[in-house]
C-alpha atoms as a PDB file:
ATOM      1  CA  MET A   1      34.269  43.647 -30.780  1.00  0.00           C
ATOM      2  CA  ILE A   2      33.714  39.831 -30.122  1.00  0.00           C
ATOM      3  CA  GLU A   3      31.821  40.374 -27.016  1.00  0.00           C
ATOM      4  CA  ALA A   4      29.275  42.389 -29.377  1.00  0.00           C
ATOM      5  CA  LEU A   5      28.161  39.187 -31.203  1.00  0.00           C
ATOM      6  CA  PHE A   6      27.770  37.294 -28.246  1.00  0.00           C
ATOM      7  CA  ASN A   7      25.393  40.414 -26.938  1.00  0.00           C
ATOM      8  CA  GLN A   8      22.679  40.547 -30.060  1.00  0.00           C
ATOM      9  CA  PRO A   9      18.953  38.959 -29.110  1.00  0.00           C
ATOM     10  CA  ASN A  10      19.123  36.110 -31.767  1.00  0.00           C
ATOM     11  CA  TYR A  11      21.770  34.421 -30.097  1.00  0.00           C
ATOM     12  CA  LEU A  12      21.107  35.044 -26.474  1.00  0.00           C
ATOM     13  CA  ALA A  13      17.389  33.543 -27.667  1.00  0.00           C
ATOM     14  CA  ALA A  14      18.817  30.399 -28.404  1.00  0.00           C
ATOM     15  CA  LYS A  15      21.416  30.271 -25.415  1.00  0.00           C
ATOM     16  CA  LYS A  16      18.622  30.325 -23.382  1.00  0.00           C
ATOM     17  CA  THR A  17      16.534  28.386 -25.148  1.00  0.00           C
ATOM     18  CA  LEU A  18      19.147  25.826 -25.038  1.00  0.00           C
ATOM     19  CA  ASP A  19      19.382  26.404 -21.024  1.00  0.00           C
ATOM     20  CA  ALA A  20      15.416  25.280 -20.999  1.00  0.00           C
ATOM     21  CA  VAL A  21      15.963  22.008 -23.314  1.00  0.00           C
ATOM     22  CA  VAL A  22      19.301  20.804 -20.742  1.00  0.00           C
ATOM     23  CA  MET A  23      16.515  21.654 -18.062  1.00  0.00           C
ATOM     24  CA  ARG A  24      13.614  19.796 -19.368  1.00  0.00           C
ATOM     25  CA  GLN A  25      16.070  16.703 -20.046  1.00  0.00           C
ATOM     26  CA  GLN A  26      16.885  17.518 -15.742  1.00  0.00           C
ATOM     27  CA  ALA A  27      13.315  17.477 -15.410  1.00  0.00           C
ATOM     28  CA  ILE A  28      12.729  13.808 -17.238  1.00  0.00           C
ATOM     29  CA  ALA A  29      15.532  12.366 -15.648  1.00  0.00           C
ATOM     30  CA  ASN A  30      14.112  13.153 -12.231  1.00  0.00           C
ATOM     31  CA  ASN A  31      10.995  11.818 -13.147  1.00  0.00           C
ATOM     32  CA  ILE A  32      12.062   8.221 -14.756  1.00  0.00           C
ATOM     33  CA  ALA A  33      14.273   8.791 -11.189  1.00  0.00           C
ATOM     34  CA  ASN A  34      11.109   8.587  -9.227  1.00  0.00           C
ATOM     35  CA  LEU A  35       8.683   6.637 -11.167  1.00  0.00           C
ATOM     36  CA  GLU A  36       8.183   4.314  -7.932  1.00  0.00           C
ATOM     37  CA  THR A  37       8.660   6.933  -5.001  1.00  0.00           C
ATOM     38  CA  PRO A  38       5.485   6.895  -3.262  1.00  0.00           C
ATOM     39  CA  GLY A  39       3.702  10.494  -3.203  1.00  0.00           C
ATOM     40  CA  TYR A  40       6.301  11.380  -5.745  1.00  0.00           C
ATOM     41  CA  LYS A  41       4.835  14.709  -8.198  1.00  0.00           C
ATOM     42  CA  ARG A  42       6.354  14.739 -11.889  1.00  0.00           C
ATOM     43  CA  VAL A  43       8.006  18.053 -12.658  1.00  0.00           C
ATOM     44  CA  ASP A  44       8.972  19.812 -16.214  1.00  0.00           C
ATOM     45  CA  LEU A  45       9.995  22.845 -17.603  1.00  0.00           C
ATOM     46  CA  ALA A  46       7.783  26.031 -16.030  1.00  0.00           C
ATOM     47  CA  PRO A  47       4.912  26.708 -18.797  1.00  0.00           C
ATOM     48  CA  SER A  48       5.805  30.623 -17.960  1.00  0.00           C
ATOM     49  CA  PHE A  49       9.172  30.500 -20.257  1.00  0.00           C
ATOM     50  CA  GLN A  50       8.276  30.452 -22.805  1.00  0.00           C
ATOM     51  CA  THR A  51       5.824  32.936 -23.117  1.00  0.00           C
ATOM     52  CA  GLN A  52       8.598  35.015 -21.083  1.00  0.00           C
ATOM     53  CA  LEU A  53      10.626  34.348 -23.748  1.00  0.00           C
ATOM     54  CA  GLU A  54       8.470  35.264 -26.536  1.00  0.00           C
ATOM     55  CA  GLN A  55       7.835  38.313 -25.005  1.00  0.00           C
ATOM     56  CA  ALA A  56      11.555  39.319 -24.656  1.00  0.00           C
ATOM     57  CA  CYS A  57      12.401  38.641 -27.460  1.00  0.00           C
ATOM     58  CA  ALA A  58       9.568  40.297 -29.389  1.00  0.00           C
ATOM     59  CA  SER A  59      10.647  43.478 -27.373  1.00  0.00           C
ATOM     60  CA  GLY A  60      14.147  43.116 -28.870  1.00  0.00           C
ATOM     61  CA  ASP A  61      16.075  44.178 -25.813  1.00  0.00           C
ATOM     62  CA  PRO A  62      19.254  42.050 -25.149  1.00  0.00           C
ATOM     63  CA  GLN A  63      19.268  42.828 -20.634  1.00  0.00           C
ATOM     64  CA  GLN A  64      15.390  41.442 -20.582  1.00  0.00           C
ATOM     65  CA  ILE A  65      16.662  38.216 -22.547  1.00  0.00           C
ATOM     66  CA  ASN A  66      19.293  37.341 -20.826  1.00  0.00           C
ATOM     67  CA  SER A  67      17.874  37.932 -17.109  1.00  0.00           C
ATOM     68  CA  LEU A  68      15.352  35.337 -18.059  1.00  0.00           C
ATOM     69  CA  GLU A  69      16.084  31.804 -16.607  1.00  0.00           C
ATOM     70  CA  PRO A  70      14.219  28.947 -16.968  1.00  0.00           C
ATOM     71  CA  THR A  71      12.537  26.776 -13.835  1.00  0.00           C
ATOM     72  CA  LEU A  72      11.068  23.819 -13.351  1.00  0.00           C
ATOM     73  CA  SER A  73       7.918  23.344 -11.200  1.00  0.00           C
ATOM     74  CA  VAL A  74       5.003  20.691 -10.564  1.00  0.00           C
ATOM     75  CA  ASP A  75       2.922  19.354 -13.460  1.00  0.00           C
ATOM     76  CA  THR A  76      -0.324  20.464 -11.982  1.00  0.00           C
ATOM     77  CA  THR A  77      -1.602  18.352 -15.433  1.00  0.00           C
ATOM     78  CA  ALA A  78      -0.358  14.958 -14.516  1.00  0.00           C
ATOM     79  CA  VAL A  79      -2.985  12.493 -12.158  1.00  0.00           C
ATOM     80  CA  SER A  80      -1.541   9.701 -10.399  1.00  0.00           C
ATOM     81  CA  SER A  81      -2.654   6.367 -11.944  1.00  0.00           C
ATOM     82  CA  SER A  82      -2.163   4.557  -8.774  1.00  0.00           C
ATOM     83  CA  ARG A  83      -2.454   4.559  -4.869  1.00  0.00           C
ATOM     84  CA  ASP A  84       0.275   5.931  -4.171  1.00  0.00           C
ATOM     85  CA  GLY A  85      -0.360   9.002  -5.441  1.00  0.00           C
ATOM     86  CA  ASN A  86       2.722   9.034  -7.731  1.00  0.00           C
ATOM     87  CA  THR A  87       2.363  11.214 -11.202  1.00  0.00           C
ATOM     88  CA  VAL A  88       5.132  10.153 -13.258  1.00  0.00           C
ATOM     89  CA  HIS A  89       4.032   7.905 -15.907  1.00  0.00           C
ATOM     90  CA  LEU A  90       6.550   5.988 -18.126  1.00  0.00           C
END
């Protein structure tokens, strides 16, 4: 009975959103830790995750929502402001 509660699409969507928030926080911590590393490229949550989550929620399929995994990717919009090639800006 309680298992049915944890398989509701709204619960799963909230859980995946929190997973994404945790991953983004780790990316921010990583970026700050590498602030002065030459050539380091800033990472962030993959922009496709939000679209995938919205599509999965619209479908209402718990298995589709549960199969989503947030991932990190290099932020291609970040540009280096110094000669060392690091794209992290505090």
